[in-house]
Protein backbone atom coordinates (compact mmCIF):
# COMPACT_ATOMS: atom_id res chain seq x y z
CA UNK A 1 -4.28 -164.11 -19.68
CA UNK A 2 -2.17 -165.38 -22.94
CA UNK A 3 -4.19 -167.59 -25.60
CA UNK A 4 -2.96 -171.06 -23.52
CA UNK A 5 -4.67 -169.61 -20.02
CA UNK A 6 -7.84 -168.36 -21.89
CA UNK A 7 -7.62 -172.01 -24.23
CA UNK A 8 -7.45 -173.73 -20.71
CA UNK A 9 -10.36 -171.76 -18.93
CA UNK A 10 -12.48 -172.30 -22.04
CA UNK A 11 -12.03 -175.77 -22.02
CA UNK A 12 -13.02 -175.95 -18.59
CA UNK A 13 -16.38 -174.04 -19.22
CA UNK A 14 -16.87 -176.41 -22.22
CA UNK A 15 -16.00 -179.34 -20.45
CA UNK A 16 -18.81 -178.57 -18.01
CA UNK A 17 -20.76 -178.53 -20.87
CA UNK A 18 -19.93 -181.96 -22.20
CA UNK A 19 -20.46 -183.42 -18.56
CA UNK A 20 -23.96 -182.37 -18.98
CA UNK A 21 -24.70 -183.64 -22.21
CA UNK A 22 -23.07 -187.07 -20.82
CA UNK A 23 -25.51 -187.02 -18.36
CA UNK A 24 -28.64 -186.47 -20.51
CA UNK A 25 -27.88 -188.84 -22.81
CA UNK A 26 -27.49 -191.57 -19.66
CA UNK A 27 -30.77 -190.15 -18.25
CA UNK A 28 -32.49 -190.53 -21.10
CA UNK A 29 -33.39 -187.38 -21.81
CA UNK A 30 -31.99 -187.57 -25.33
CA UNK A 31 -31.87 -190.89 -27.73
CA UNK A 32 -29.15 -191.96 -30.08
CA UNK A 33 -31.89 -190.77 -32.75
CA UNK A 34 -32.51 -187.28 -31.05
CA UNK A 35 -28.41 -187.05 -30.53
CA UNK A 36 -27.97 -187.64 -34.34
CA UNK A 37 -30.63 -185.03 -35.39
CA UNK A 38 -29.47 -182.24 -33.37
CA UNK A 39 -25.70 -183.08 -34.67
CA UNK A 40 -27.37 -182.52 -38.23
CA UNK A 41 -29.04 -179.52 -37.15
CA UNK A 42 -25.39 -178.10 -35.81
CA UNK A 43 -23.52 -179.11 -38.73
CA UNK A 44 -26.11 -177.71 -41.52
CA UNK A 45 -27.63 -174.99 -39.86
CA UNK A 46 -25.59 -173.44 -36.94
CA UNK A 47 -22.16 -173.83 -37.81
CA UNK A 48 -22.98 -172.32 -41.71
CA UNK A 49 -25.08 -169.23 -39.76
CA UNK A 50 -21.79 -168.78 -37.93
CA UNK A 51 -19.48 -168.60 -40.60
CA UNK A 52 -21.38 -166.33 -42.80
CA UNK A 53 -21.97 -163.92 -39.84
CA UNK A 54 -18.32 -163.87 -39.33
CA UNK A 55 -18.03 -162.47 -43.08
CA UNK A 56 -20.12 -159.76 -42.46
CA UNK A 57 -16.99 -156.98 -41.82
CA UNK A 58 -15.92 -154.25 -43.36
CA UNK A 59 -13.59 -154.57 -46.39
CA UNK A 60 -9.78 -154.82 -45.40
CA UNK A 61 -6.39 -155.63 -47.04
CA UNK A 62 -5.28 -157.45 -43.89
CA UNK A 63 -8.30 -159.65 -43.94
CA UNK A 64 -7.77 -160.81 -47.17
CA UNK A 65 -3.98 -161.21 -46.75
CA UNK A 66 -4.59 -162.91 -43.29
CA UNK A 67 -7.32 -165.78 -45.27
CA UNK A 68 -5.38 -166.56 -47.99
CA UNK A 69 -2.49 -167.57 -45.74
CA UNK A 70 -4.41 -168.99 -43.73
CA UNK A 71 -5.55 -171.17 -46.62
CA UNK A 72 -2.29 -172.20 -47.47
CA UNK A 73 -1.52 -173.06 -43.93
CA UNK A 74 -4.49 -175.44 -43.56
CA UNK A 75 -3.74 -177.00 -46.99
CA UNK A 76 -0.08 -177.82 -45.30
CA UNK A 77 -1.67 -178.91 -41.77
CA UNK A 78 -3.80 -181.43 -43.61
CA UNK A 79 -0.75 -182.77 -45.68
CA UNK A 80 1.43 -183.07 -42.42
CA UNK A 81 -1.23 -184.38 -40.72
CA UNK A 82 -2.30 -187.06 -43.49
CA UNK A 83 1.43 -188.37 -43.93
CA UNK A 84 1.92 -188.58 -40.34
CA UNK A 85 -1.47 -190.94 -40.15
CA UNK A 86 -0.20 -192.74 -43.05
CA UNK A 87 3.28 -193.33 -42.24
CA UNK A 88 2.45 -194.96 -38.67
CA UNK A 89 -0.88 -196.27 -38.88
CA UNK A 90 -0.72 -198.19 -42.07
CA UNK A 91 2.75 -200.17 -40.68
CA UNK A 92 -0.37 -201.05 -38.06
CA UNK A 93 -2.38 -202.09 -40.97
CA UNK A 94 -5.46 -204.32 -39.79
CA UNK A 95 -9.03 -203.56 -40.38
CA UNK A 96 -9.19 -200.22 -38.21
CA UNK A 97 -6.11 -198.79 -40.45
CA UNK A 98 -8.44 -196.98 -42.25
CA UNK A 99 -10.00 -195.30 -39.34
CA UNK A 100 -6.89 -194.55 -37.37
CA UNK A 101 -5.29 -192.89 -40.65
CA UNK A 102 -8.46 -190.69 -40.94
CA UNK A 103 -8.97 -190.22 -37.33
CA UNK A 104 -5.20 -188.67 -36.94
CA UNK A 105 -5.74 -186.16 -40.09
CA UNK A 106 -9.24 -184.81 -39.74
CA UNK A 107 -9.91 -182.97 -36.27
CA UNK A 108 -13.08 -181.50 -34.97
CA UNK A 109 -12.17 -178.04 -35.90
CA UNK A 110 -16.18 -177.53 -36.19
CA UNK A 111 -17.44 -178.35 -33.08
CA UNK A 112 -14.64 -177.61 -30.84
CA UNK A 113 -12.50 -175.20 -32.98
CA UNK A 114 -15.21 -172.72 -33.47
CA UNK A 115 -16.08 -172.08 -29.66
CA UNK A 116 -12.63 -172.18 -28.80
CA UNK A 117 -11.48 -169.72 -31.23
CA UNK A 118 -14.18 -167.60 -30.98
CA UNK A 119 -13.40 -167.32 -27.19
CA UNK A 120 -9.70 -166.35 -27.95
CA UNK A 121 -9.74 -164.51 -31.07
CA UNK A 122 -13.53 -163.49 -31.63
CA UNK A 123 -14.88 -163.15 -35.25
CA UNK A 124 -11.60 -162.49 -36.78
CA UNK A 125 -10.67 -166.07 -35.82
CA UNK A 126 -13.56 -167.72 -36.70
CA UNK A 127 -13.06 -165.31 -40.39
CA UNK A 128 -9.51 -167.13 -40.62
CA UNK A 129 -10.89 -170.48 -39.23
CA UNK A 130 -13.71 -170.81 -42.33
CA UNK A 131 -9.81 -171.48 -44.63
CA UNK A 132 -9.93 -174.45 -42.23
CA UNK A 133 -13.34 -175.56 -41.93
CA UNK A 134 -13.35 -175.10 -46.08
CA UNK A 135 -10.29 -177.49 -46.45
CA UNK A 136 -11.36 -179.77 -43.98
CA UNK A 137 -14.84 -180.37 -45.90
CA UNK A 138 -13.03 -180.59 -49.63
CA UNK A 139 -10.53 -183.04 -48.13
CA UNK A 140 -12.78 -184.98 -46.09
CA UNK A 141 -15.04 -185.75 -48.83
CA UNK A 142 -12.48 -186.58 -51.36
CA UNK A 143 -8.82 -187.69 -49.70
CA UNK A 144 -10.88 -188.89 -46.41
CA UNK A 145 -13.18 -191.37 -48.12
CA UNK A 146 -9.95 -192.59 -49.95
CA UNK A 147 -8.51 -192.78 -46.72
CA UNK A 148 -10.68 -194.76 -44.74
CA UNK A 149 -11.89 -197.42 -47.91
CA UNK A 150 -8.79 -197.35 -50.22
CA UNK A 151 -11.30 -196.05 -52.91
CA UNK A 152 -12.42 -192.98 -54.56
CA UNK A 153 -14.81 -191.33 -56.64
CA UNK A 154 -16.48 -188.02 -58.65
CA UNK A 155 -19.28 -187.93 -56.63
CA UNK A 156 -17.63 -187.49 -53.57
CA UNK A 157 -15.71 -184.81 -54.82
CA UNK A 158 -18.88 -182.90 -55.82
CA UNK A 159 -20.65 -183.76 -52.61
CA UNK A 160 -17.53 -182.38 -50.81
CA UNK A 161 -18.70 -178.80 -52.57
CA UNK A 162 -22.31 -179.04 -51.67
CA UNK A 163 -21.25 -179.11 -47.72
CA UNK A 164 -23.26 -176.54 -45.93
CA UNK A 165 -20.07 -174.91 -44.46
CA UNK A 166 -18.82 -174.70 -47.58
CA UNK A 167 -21.87 -173.21 -48.99
CA UNK A 168 -21.71 -170.45 -46.26
CA UNK A 169 -18.20 -169.97 -46.47
CA UNK A 170 -18.49 -169.24 -50.42
CA UNK A 171 -21.48 -166.93 -49.81
CA UNK A 172 -19.94 -165.18 -46.82
CA UNK A 173 -16.72 -164.16 -49.48
CA UNK A 174 -19.05 -162.87 -51.90
CA UNK A 175 -21.05 -160.67 -49.24
CA UNK A 176 -17.67 -159.40 -47.79
CA UNK A 177 -15.82 -158.91 -51.50
CA UNK A 178 -19.03 -156.68 -52.39
CA UNK A 179 -19.64 -155.21 -49.13
CA UNK A 180 -23.15 -156.25 -49.00
CA UNK A 181 -24.11 -155.86 -45.37
CA UNK A 182 -27.60 -157.16 -43.84
CA UNK A 183 -29.61 -154.94 -41.66
CA UNK A 184 -29.99 -155.39 -37.90
CA UNK A 185 -33.44 -156.75 -38.12
CA UNK A 186 -31.88 -160.10 -40.15
CA UNK A 187 -28.30 -159.98 -38.34
CA UNK A 188 -29.76 -160.20 -35.08
CA UNK A 189 -31.64 -163.35 -35.43
CA UNK A 190 -28.61 -164.74 -37.12
CA UNK A 191 -26.52 -163.90 -34.43
CA UNK A 192 -28.77 -165.54 -31.80
CA UNK A 193 -28.70 -168.83 -34.26
CA UNK A 194 -24.84 -168.40 -34.37
CA UNK A 195 -24.91 -167.98 -30.63
CA UNK A 196 -26.35 -171.73 -30.19
CA UNK A 197 -23.09 -173.37 -31.67
CA UNK A 198 -21.02 -173.71 -28.61
CA UNK A 199 -23.58 -174.79 -25.99
CA UNK A 200 -25.25 -177.29 -28.66
CA UNK A 201 -21.85 -178.60 -30.10
CA UNK A 202 -20.69 -179.60 -26.37
CA UNK A 203 -23.68 -181.47 -25.40
CA UNK A 204 -23.49 -183.40 -28.43
CA UNK A 205 -20.01 -184.27 -27.54
CA UNK A 206 -20.89 -185.30 -24.07
CA UNK A 207 -23.91 -187.31 -25.65
CA UNK A 208 -21.20 -189.21 -28.36
CA UNK A 209 -19.00 -189.78 -25.55
CA UNK A 210 -21.64 -191.51 -23.08
CA UNK A 211 -22.77 -193.67 -26.40
CA UNK A 212 -18.90 -195.05 -26.26
CA UNK A 213 -17.27 -197.40 -23.90
CA UNK A 214 -14.73 -195.51 -22.21
CA UNK A 215 -13.74 -198.52 -20.09
CA UNK A 216 -13.14 -200.72 -22.93
CA UNK A 217 -11.55 -197.88 -24.94
CA UNK A 218 -8.98 -197.37 -22.13
CA UNK A 219 -7.65 -201.02 -22.63
CA UNK A 220 -6.71 -200.24 -26.38
CA UNK A 221 -2.89 -199.35 -27.01
CA UNK A 222 -3.97 -198.32 -30.46
CA UNK A 223 -5.65 -195.64 -28.91
CA UNK A 224 -3.26 -194.06 -26.98
CA UNK A 225 -1.12 -194.08 -29.86
CA UNK A 226 -3.87 -192.44 -32.19
CA UNK A 227 -4.13 -189.69 -29.51
CA UNK A 228 -0.58 -188.80 -29.23
CA UNK A 229 -0.37 -188.82 -33.16
CA UNK A 230 -3.69 -186.44 -33.27
CA UNK A 231 -3.10 -184.18 -30.14
CA UNK A 232 0.51 -184.13 -29.36
CA UNK A 233 3.10 -185.11 -32.17
CA UNK A 234 0.93 -183.93 -35.06
CA UNK A 235 0.28 -180.14 -33.75
CA UNK A 236 4.21 -179.86 -33.06
CA UNK A 237 4.97 -180.90 -36.44
CA UNK A 238 2.54 -178.43 -37.89
CA UNK A 239 3.61 -175.61 -35.56
CA UNK A 240 7.43 -176.00 -36.68
CA UNK A 241 5.92 -175.64 -40.28
CA UNK A 242 4.02 -172.53 -39.78
CA UNK A 243 6.92 -170.60 -38.18
CA UNK A 244 8.20 -169.79 -41.56
CA UNK A 245 4.90 -168.18 -42.88
CA UNK A 246 5.74 -165.34 -40.20
CA UNK A 247 2.02 -164.62 -40.11
CA UNK A 248 -0.36 -162.56 -37.74
CA UNK A 249 -0.26 -164.47 -34.75
CA UNK A 250 -4.26 -164.89 -34.49
CA UNK A 251 -3.81 -166.28 -38.12
CA UNK A 252 -1.25 -168.89 -37.33
CA UNK A 253 -2.51 -169.71 -34.13
CA UNK A 254 -6.13 -170.33 -35.44
CA UNK A 255 -4.86 -172.66 -37.72
CA UNK A 256 -2.56 -174.51 -34.76
CA UNK A 257 -5.80 -174.44 -32.65
CA UNK A 258 -7.90 -176.40 -35.50
CA UNK A 259 -5.19 -178.94 -36.18
CA UNK A 260 -4.52 -179.87 -32.51
CA UNK A 261 -8.38 -179.87 -31.64
CA UNK A 262 -9.35 -184.02 -31.06
CA UNK A 263 -10.64 -186.17 -33.58
CA UNK A 264 -13.44 -185.28 -36.10
CA UNK A 265 -17.01 -186.25 -35.43
CA UNK A 266 -17.04 -187.47 -39.01
CA UNK A 267 -14.53 -190.17 -38.35
CA UNK A 268 -17.87 -192.22 -36.94
CA UNK A 269 -19.84 -191.21 -39.66
CA UNK A 270 -17.54 -192.26 -42.38
CA UNK A 271 -16.80 -195.52 -40.25
CA UNK A 272 -20.68 -196.44 -40.10
CA UNK A 273 -21.18 -195.37 -43.78
CA UNK A 274 -18.35 -197.28 -45.42
CA UNK A 275 -18.59 -200.31 -43.28
CA UNK A 276 -15.61 -199.94 -40.59
CA UNK A 277 -15.79 -200.21 -37.07
CA UNK A 278 -17.73 -197.17 -36.31
CA UNK A 279 -17.32 -198.31 -32.19
CA UNK A 280 -13.62 -198.20 -32.65
CA UNK A 281 -14.24 -194.36 -34.10
CA UNK A 282 -16.40 -193.42 -31.07
CA UNK A 283 -13.94 -194.65 -28.54
CA UNK A 284 -10.84 -192.87 -30.61
CA UNK A 285 -13.26 -189.88 -30.84
CA UNK A 286 -14.29 -189.84 -26.72
CA UNK A 287 -10.57 -190.28 -25.23
CA UNK A 288 -9.32 -187.90 -27.65
CA UNK A 289 -11.90 -185.19 -26.66
CA UNK A 290 -11.40 -185.92 -23.19
CA UNK A 291 -7.20 -186.13 -23.47
CA UNK A 292 -7.59 -182.64 -25.32
CA UNK A 293 -8.46 -180.93 -22.24
CA UNK A 294 -4.57 -181.35 -21.29
CA UNK A 295 -3.01 -181.03 -24.43
CA UNK A 296 -4.36 -177.89 -26.18
CA UNK A 297 -3.38 -176.07 -23.71
CA UNK A 298 0.22 -177.82 -23.76
CA UNK A 299 0.63 -176.97 -27.45
CA UNK A 300 -0.42 -173.49 -27.38
CA UNK A 301 1.96 -172.92 -24.41
CA UNK A 302 4.88 -174.31 -26.74
CA UNK A 303 3.36 -172.03 -29.48
CA UNK A 304 3.61 -169.21 -27.70
CA UNK A 305 7.75 -169.17 -27.92
CA UNK A 306 7.33 -169.95 -31.56
CA UNK A 307 4.80 -168.25 -33.23
């Protein structure tokens, strides 16, 4: 199977887990508070462990070169999506413009990206994905807050460096460059924790969708425009700009998959935190997550001819 077929298969598997999470929430097995606690557990514990584990590799100059290219590509990807979001959503104005700009720029690269990339490219893909996740954390807590609120402060920039995923990336790099390899008795439990990422992330996505009003969301034209920008126009622009890099296909496709993932759950959290319409943010998240089942394989099929 090519990468597009593998992604389609993995998305089908993940959507079964998402549906299961949807019904768990609807049946009251998890409350809103329980869902938030589980989400916090994945973001602050499980994802960082998976990121750290991905750096437990033999030193290889090819990996270093790929990681540096991935960092450059990740920055370029966020710039492209940020400019696209600002160019289109600023014209719409209104109280939801900030939410829409953020939703176009920042993707669900951890929750959905990690399990997808791990399934397609294994730990090598996760290794390169750390570049995108680190860039996501730094930019979302700086540019992202300014995008959402039209304000910026130094505290937000400092908080970006304190994000568990960023700390795990830095620690992982130190261990990688110094070739500090953890013993099996430590690695085995870490691998068990890392393996929780995919099922828990998908269950949480299903619960988040269950908390939104899909019927209301499907009646809002702005959400369709937002999804088109986030899932199709943006990733295709990113793909065109990645071609000149002539990078290893694993590196290029890892960055493209990250950029093509649906809207980040952070959109909902930031909207609530900064007094924006968090209901609208959750509707964008729900519709974009569902639509990505079709758009991700489509984007990767197109990318197969160019990257």
